[in-house]
Amino acid sequence: MLTVLSNLAGCHGGQPAPQATSTPTSLEAAAIEAGVISDPANTDPTGLYTRDRDRICVVPSATAFRIGISVDYGDTYHCSAQGEATRAGEDLHVELTDTPGCNFDARFEGDRIVFPGRLPDACQKACSSRGSLAGLSAERMSDSPSEASALRDGRGRMLCASAK
């Protein structure tokens, strides 16, 4: 057995073992570098986001962004809210001004906004009956501020219109 080990050691040729390299970049970082996906850190969240009949609008304001949300579950259940959002990296801190106490951090992923699965109880005031804003995820449909500003909820209220 000792002969086998010494022969194996001889195969090494006395050269130092290869050094470990740094961890390769993540798949997401490689995709950003290749331009396959947008870099959330360098992307403006302004736009209209949709999924089925759910909508989120984000438009610039004097202090950060205006945000509006319309979730439509059909005739019986719906949610509608508007407020302000500030950006910190991949987070959008949302404060729904028409729903006091409904503040949370949503994820901004470049072309998608994702709300957390658990929201403050106060956020339920934005919804009828069993509707909910929790877990809402919407993809960017347009990056046009004018299209986003035109979003209306089911009652016709403009959600991201300029403050007069």
C-alpha atoms as a PDB file:
ATOM      1  CA  MET A   1       0.000   0.000   0.000  1.00  0.00           C
ATOM      2  CA  LEU A   2       2.867   2.349   0.834  1.00  0.00           C
ATOM      3  CA  THR A   3       4.339   1.761  -2.647  1.00  0.00           C
ATOM      4  CA  VAL A   4       1.057   2.775  -4.295  1.00  0.00           C
ATOM      5  CA  LEU A   5       0.890   5.972  -2.246  1.00  0.00           C
ATOM      6  CA  SER A   6       4.485   6.871  -3.014  1.00  0.00           C
ATOM      7  CA  ASN A   7       3.901   6.196  -6.751  1.00  0.00           C
ATOM      8  CA  LEU A   8       0.834   8.434  -6.659  1.00  0.00           C
ATOM      9  CA  ALA A   9       2.832  11.125  -4.927  1.00  0.00           C
ATOM     10  CA  GLY A  10       5.453  10.763  -7.674  1.00  0.00           C
ATOM     11  CA  CYS A  11       2.792  11.429 -10.323  1.00  0.00           C
ATOM     12  CA  HIS A  12       2.201  14.811  -8.805  1.00  0.00           C
ATOM     13  CA  GLY A  13       5.629  15.855 -10.060  1.00  0.00           C
ATOM     14  CA  GLY A  14       6.363  18.096  -7.084  1.00  0.00           C
ATOM     15  CA  GLN A  15       4.243  20.915  -8.515  1.00  0.00           C
ATOM     16  CA  PRO A  16       2.097  22.841  -6.055  1.00  0.00           C
ATOM     17  CA  ALA A  17      -1.598  21.968  -5.927  1.00  0.00           C
ATOM     18  CA  PRO A  18      -3.768  24.337  -7.936  1.00  0.00           C
ATOM     19  CA  GLN A  19      -5.107  27.240  -5.895  1.00  0.00           C
ATOM     20  CA  ALA A  20      -8.844  27.543  -5.374  1.00  0.00           C
ATOM     21  CA  THR A  21     -10.342  30.357  -7.382  1.00  0.00           C
ATOM     22  CA  SER A  22     -12.917  32.776  -6.080  1.00  0.00           C
ATOM     23  CA  THR A  23     -16.529  31.685  -6.236  1.00  0.00           C
ATOM     24  CA  PRO A  24     -17.868  32.063  -9.770  1.00  0.00           C
ATOM     25  CA  THR A  25     -20.429  34.800 -10.253  1.00  0.00           C
ATOM     26  CA  SER A  26     -24.036  33.849  -9.724  1.00  0.00           C
ATOM     27  CA  LEU A  27     -26.233  32.983 -12.647  1.00  0.00           C
ATOM     28  CA  GLU A  28     -28.192  36.206 -12.145  1.00  0.00           C
ATOM     29  CA  ALA A  29     -25.012  38.322 -12.139  1.00  0.00           C
ATOM     30  CA  ALA A  30     -23.813  36.587 -15.305  1.00  0.00           C
ATOM     31  CA  ALA A  31     -27.182  37.218 -16.987  1.00  0.00           C
ATOM     32  CA  ILE A  32     -27.054  40.901 -16.003  1.00  0.00           C
ATOM     33  CA  GLU A  33     -23.487  41.194 -17.308  1.00  0.00           C
ATOM     34  CA  ALA A  34     -24.519  39.574 -20.604  1.00  0.00           C
ATOM     35  CA  GLY A  35     -27.498  41.934 -20.916  1.00  0.00           C
ATOM     36  CA  VAL A  36     -30.022  39.085 -20.808  1.00  0.00           C
ATOM     37  CA  ILE A  37     -31.854  40.650 -17.842  1.00  0.00           C
ATOM     38  CA  SER A  38     -31.968  44.189 -16.464  1.00  0.00           C
ATOM     39  CA  ASP A  39     -29.877  45.151 -13.467  1.00  0.00           C
ATOM     40  CA  PRO A  40     -32.429  46.153 -10.787  1.00  0.00           C
ATOM     41  CA  ALA A  41     -29.848  48.439  -9.179  1.00  0.00           C
ATOM     42  CA  ASN A  42     -29.631  50.538 -12.359  1.00  0.00           C
ATOM     43  CA  THR A  43     -33.220  50.330 -13.581  1.00  0.00           C
ATOM     44  CA  ASP A  44     -35.869  52.985 -13.038  1.00  0.00           C
ATOM     45  CA  PRO A  45     -39.086  51.423 -11.652  1.00  0.00           C
ATOM     46  CA  THR A  46     -41.316  53.872 -13.551  1.00  0.00           C
ATOM     47  CA  GLY A  47     -43.965  52.050 -15.536  1.00  0.00           C
ATOM     48  CA  LEU A  48     -47.118  49.996 -15.708  1.00  0.00           C
ATOM     49  CA  TYR A  49     -46.956  46.447 -14.333  1.00  0.00           C
ATOM     50  CA  THR A  50     -49.606  43.793 -14.954  1.00  0.00           C
ATOM     51  CA  ARG A  51     -50.609  40.218 -14.272  1.00  0.00           C
ATOM     52  CA  ASP A  52     -54.000  39.079 -15.503  1.00  0.00           C
ATOM     53  CA  ARG A  53     -56.355  41.800 -14.250  1.00  0.00           C
ATOM     54  CA  ASP A  54     -53.989  43.081 -11.547  1.00  0.00           C
ATOM     55  CA  ARG A  55     -52.155  46.367 -12.133  1.00  0.00           C
ATOM     56  CA  ILE A  56     -49.427  48.439 -10.473  1.00  0.00           C
ATOM     57  CA  CYS A  57     -48.408  51.897 -11.675  1.00  0.00           C
ATOM     58  CA  VAL A  58     -45.205  53.669 -10.621  1.00  0.00           C
ATOM     59  CA  VAL A  59     -44.440  57.246 -11.680  1.00  0.00           C
ATOM     60  CA  PRO A  60     -41.855  59.785 -10.493  1.00  0.00           C
ATOM     61  CA  SER A  61     -42.948  62.375  -7.927  1.00  0.00           C
ATOM     62  CA  ALA A  62     -41.237  65.333  -6.301  1.00  0.00           C
ATOM     63  CA  THR A  63     -39.850  63.180  -3.474  1.00  0.00           C
ATOM     64  CA  ALA A  64     -39.637  59.651  -4.961  1.00  0.00           C
ATOM     65  CA  PHE A  65     -42.459  57.776  -6.753  1.00  0.00           C
ATOM     66  CA  ARG A  66     -46.232  57.607  -6.723  1.00  0.00           C
ATOM     67  CA  ILE A  67     -47.595  54.063  -6.715  1.00  0.00           C
ATOM     68  CA  GLY A  68     -51.084  52.797  -7.427  1.00  0.00           C
ATOM     69  CA  ILE A  69     -52.443  49.281  -7.129  1.00  0.00           C
ATOM     70  CA  SER A  70     -55.564  47.696  -8.567  1.00  0.00           C
ATOM     71  CA  VAL A  71     -56.322  44.023  -7.920  1.00  0.00           C
ATOM     72  CA  ASP A  72     -59.454  42.599  -9.517  1.00  0.00           C
ATOM     73  CA  TYR A  73     -60.784  39.195  -8.514  1.00  0.00           C
ATOM     74  CA  GLY A  74     -64.032  39.708 -10.431  1.00  0.00           C
ATOM     75  CA  ASP A  75     -67.323  41.307  -9.427  1.00  0.00           C
ATOM     76  CA  THR A  76     -67.108  40.443  -5.747  1.00  0.00           C
ATOM     77  CA  TYR A  77     -63.508  40.966  -4.640  1.00  0.00           C
ATOM     78  CA  HIS A  78     -61.123  43.784  -5.433  1.00  0.00           C
ATOM     79  CA  CYS A  79     -58.382  45.971  -3.954  1.00  0.00           C
ATOM     80  CA  SER A  80     -57.432  49.519  -4.787  1.00  0.00           C
ATOM     81  CA  ALA A  81     -54.822  51.735  -3.162  1.00  0.00           C
ATOM     82  CA  GLN A  82     -52.414  54.541  -3.851  1.00  0.00           C
ATOM     83  CA  GLY A  83     -49.491  56.068  -2.090  1.00  0.00           C
ATOM     84  CA  GLU A  84     -45.772  56.699  -2.269  1.00  0.00           C
ATOM     85  CA  ALA A  85     -42.746  54.510  -2.815  1.00  0.00           C
ATOM     86  CA  THR A  86     -39.066  55.096  -2.188  1.00  0.00           C
ATOM     87  CA  ARG A  87     -36.332  52.926  -3.570  1.00  0.00           C
ATOM     88  CA  ALA A  88     -33.413  51.373  -1.708  1.00  0.00           C
ATOM     89  CA  GLY A  89     -31.524  48.959  -3.958  1.00  0.00           C
ATOM     90  CA  GLU A  90     -33.886  46.138  -4.866  1.00  0.00           C
ATOM     91  CA  ASP A  91     -36.523  47.248  -2.352  1.00  0.00           C
ATOM     92  CA  LEU A  92     -39.428  49.593  -2.896  1.00  0.00           C
ATOM     93  CA  HIS A  93     -40.672  50.909   0.438  1.00  0.00           C
ATOM     94  CA  VAL A  94     -44.401  51.345  -0.128  1.00  0.00           C
ATOM     95  CA  GLU A  95     -46.566  53.590   2.032  1.00  0.00           C
ATOM     96  CA  LEU A  96     -50.207  53.538   0.985  1.00  0.00           C
ATOM     97  CA  THR A  97     -51.343  57.031   1.937  1.00  0.00           C
ATOM     98  CA  ASP A  98     -55.024  56.267   1.385  1.00  0.00           C
ATOM     99  CA  THR A  99     -54.736  53.209   3.665  1.00  0.00           C
ATOM    100  CA  PRO A 100     -53.101  54.433   6.911  1.00  0.00           C
ATOM    101  CA  GLY A 101     -50.789  51.892   8.504  1.00  0.00           C
ATOM    102  CA  CYS A 102     -50.238  49.937   5.296  1.00  0.00           C
ATOM    103  CA  ASN A 103     -46.463  50.191   4.838  1.00  0.00           C
ATOM    104  CA  PHE A 104     -44.230  47.421   3.506  1.00  0.00           C
ATOM    105  CA  ASP A 105     -41.171  46.661   1.396  1.00  0.00           C
ATOM    106  CA  ALA A 106     -41.804  45.178  -2.034  1.00  0.00           C
ATOM    107  CA  ARG A 107     -39.041  43.625  -4.159  1.00  0.00           C
ATOM    108  CA  PHE A 108     -38.153  45.388  -7.385  1.00  0.00           C
ATOM    109  CA  GLU A 109     -36.544  42.907  -9.779  1.00  0.00           C
ATOM    110  CA  GLY A 110     -35.945  45.163 -12.782  1.00  0.00           C
ATOM    111  CA  ASP A 111     -39.022  44.240 -14.781  1.00  0.00           C
ATOM    112  CA  ARG A 112     -41.143  42.841 -11.973  1.00  0.00           C
ATOM    113  CA  ILE A 113     -42.534  44.033  -8.649  1.00  0.00           C
ATOM    114  CA  VAL A 114     -43.296  41.449  -5.951  1.00  0.00           C
ATOM    115  CA  PHE A 115     -45.227  42.205  -2.764  1.00  0.00           C
ATOM    116  CA  PRO A 116     -44.469  40.170   0.358  1.00  0.00           C
ATOM    117  CA  GLY A 117     -46.727  37.248   1.207  1.00  0.00           C
ATOM    118  CA  ARG A 118     -47.562  38.779   4.569  1.00  0.00           C
ATOM    119  CA  LEU A 119     -48.652  42.410   4.900  1.00  0.00           C
ATOM    120  CA  PRO A 120     -49.698  44.546   7.884  1.00  0.00           C
ATOM    121  CA  ASP A 121     -53.334  44.042   8.909  1.00  0.00           C
ATOM    122  CA  ALA A 122     -54.053  47.672   7.938  1.00  0.00           C
ATOM    123  CA  CYS A 123     -53.526  46.761   4.249  1.00  0.00           C
ATOM    124  CA  GLN A 124     -56.760  44.763   4.322  1.00  0.00           C
ATOM    125  CA  LYS A 125     -58.639  48.114   4.368  1.00  0.00           C
ATOM    126  CA  ALA A 126     -57.648  48.565   0.693  1.00  0.00           C
ATOM    127  CA  CYS A 127     -59.619  45.444  -0.245  1.00  0.00           C
ATOM    128  CA  SER A 128     -63.195  44.265  -0.229  1.00  0.00           C
ATOM    129  CA  SER A 129     -64.170  41.142   1.666  1.00  0.00           C
ATOM    130  CA  ARG A 130     -61.555  38.416   1.139  1.00  0.00           C
ATOM    131  CA  GLY A 131     -59.411  40.258  -1.438  1.00  0.00           C
ATOM    132  CA  SER A 132     -55.737  40.816  -0.616  1.00  0.00           C
ATOM    133  CA  LEU A 133     -52.633  42.633  -1.813  1.00  0.00           C
ATOM    134  CA  ALA A 134     -50.377  39.994  -0.237  1.00  0.00           C
ATOM    135  CA  GLY A 135     -48.117  38.139  -2.654  1.00  0.00           C
ATOM    136  CA  LEU A 136     -49.023  40.335  -5.635  1.00  0.00           C
ATOM    137  CA  SER A 137     -46.497  39.948  -8.434  1.00  0.00           C
ATOM    138  CA  ALA A 138     -46.657  41.884 -11.695  1.00  0.00           C
ATOM    139  CA  GLU A 139     -44.430  42.153 -14.771  1.00  0.00           C
ATOM    140  CA  ARG A 140     -43.599  45.451 -16.466  1.00  0.00           C
ATOM    141  CA  MET A 141     -45.846  46.025 -19.457  1.00  0.00           C
ATOM    142  CA  SER A 142     -44.627  49.546 -20.232  1.00  0.00           C
ATOM    143  CA  ASP A 143     -41.986  51.951 -18.962  1.00  0.00           C
ATOM    144  CA  SER A 144     -43.989  54.955 -20.139  1.00  0.00           C
ATOM    145  CA  PRO A 145     -44.876  57.430 -17.359  1.00  0.00           C
ATOM    146  CA  SER A 146     -47.925  58.591 -19.334  1.00  0.00           C
ATOM    147  CA  GLU A 147     -49.315  55.040 -19.628  1.00  0.00           C
ATOM    148  CA  ALA A 148     -48.679  54.423 -15.929  1.00  0.00           C
ATOM    149  CA  SER A 149     -50.340  57.754 -15.023  1.00  0.00           C
ATOM    150  CA  ALA A 150     -53.493  56.724 -16.863  1.00  0.00           C
ATOM    151  CA  LEU A 151     -54.187  53.660 -14.671  1.00  0.00           C
ATOM    152  CA  ARG A 152     -57.653  53.639 -13.129  1.00  0.00           C
ATOM    153  CA  ASP A 153     -59.157  51.283 -10.610  1.00  0.00           C
ATOM    154  CA  GLY A 154     -62.538  49.566 -11.063  1.00  0.00           C
ATOM    155  CA  ARG A 155     -64.376  52.657  -9.801  1.00  0.00           C
ATOM    156  CA  GLY A 156     -62.618  54.955 -12.305  1.00  0.00           C
ATOM    157  CA  ARG A 157     -60.277  56.566  -9.770  1.00  0.00           C
ATOM    158  CA  MET A 158     -56.894  57.490 -11.290  1.00  0.00           C
ATOM    159  CA  LEU A 159     -54.208  55.807  -9.202  1.00  0.00           C
ATOM    160  CA  CYS A 160     -50.983  57.500 -10.356  1.00  0.00           C
ATOM    161  CA  ALA A 161     -52.186  60.814 -11.749  1.00  0.00           C
ATOM    162  CA  SER A 162     -50.174  63.939 -11.005  1.00  0.00           C
ATOM    163  CA  ALA A 163     -51.042  65.665  -7.767  1.00  0.00           C
ATOM    164  CA  LYS A 164     -52.648  69.015  -8.488  1.00  0.00           C
END
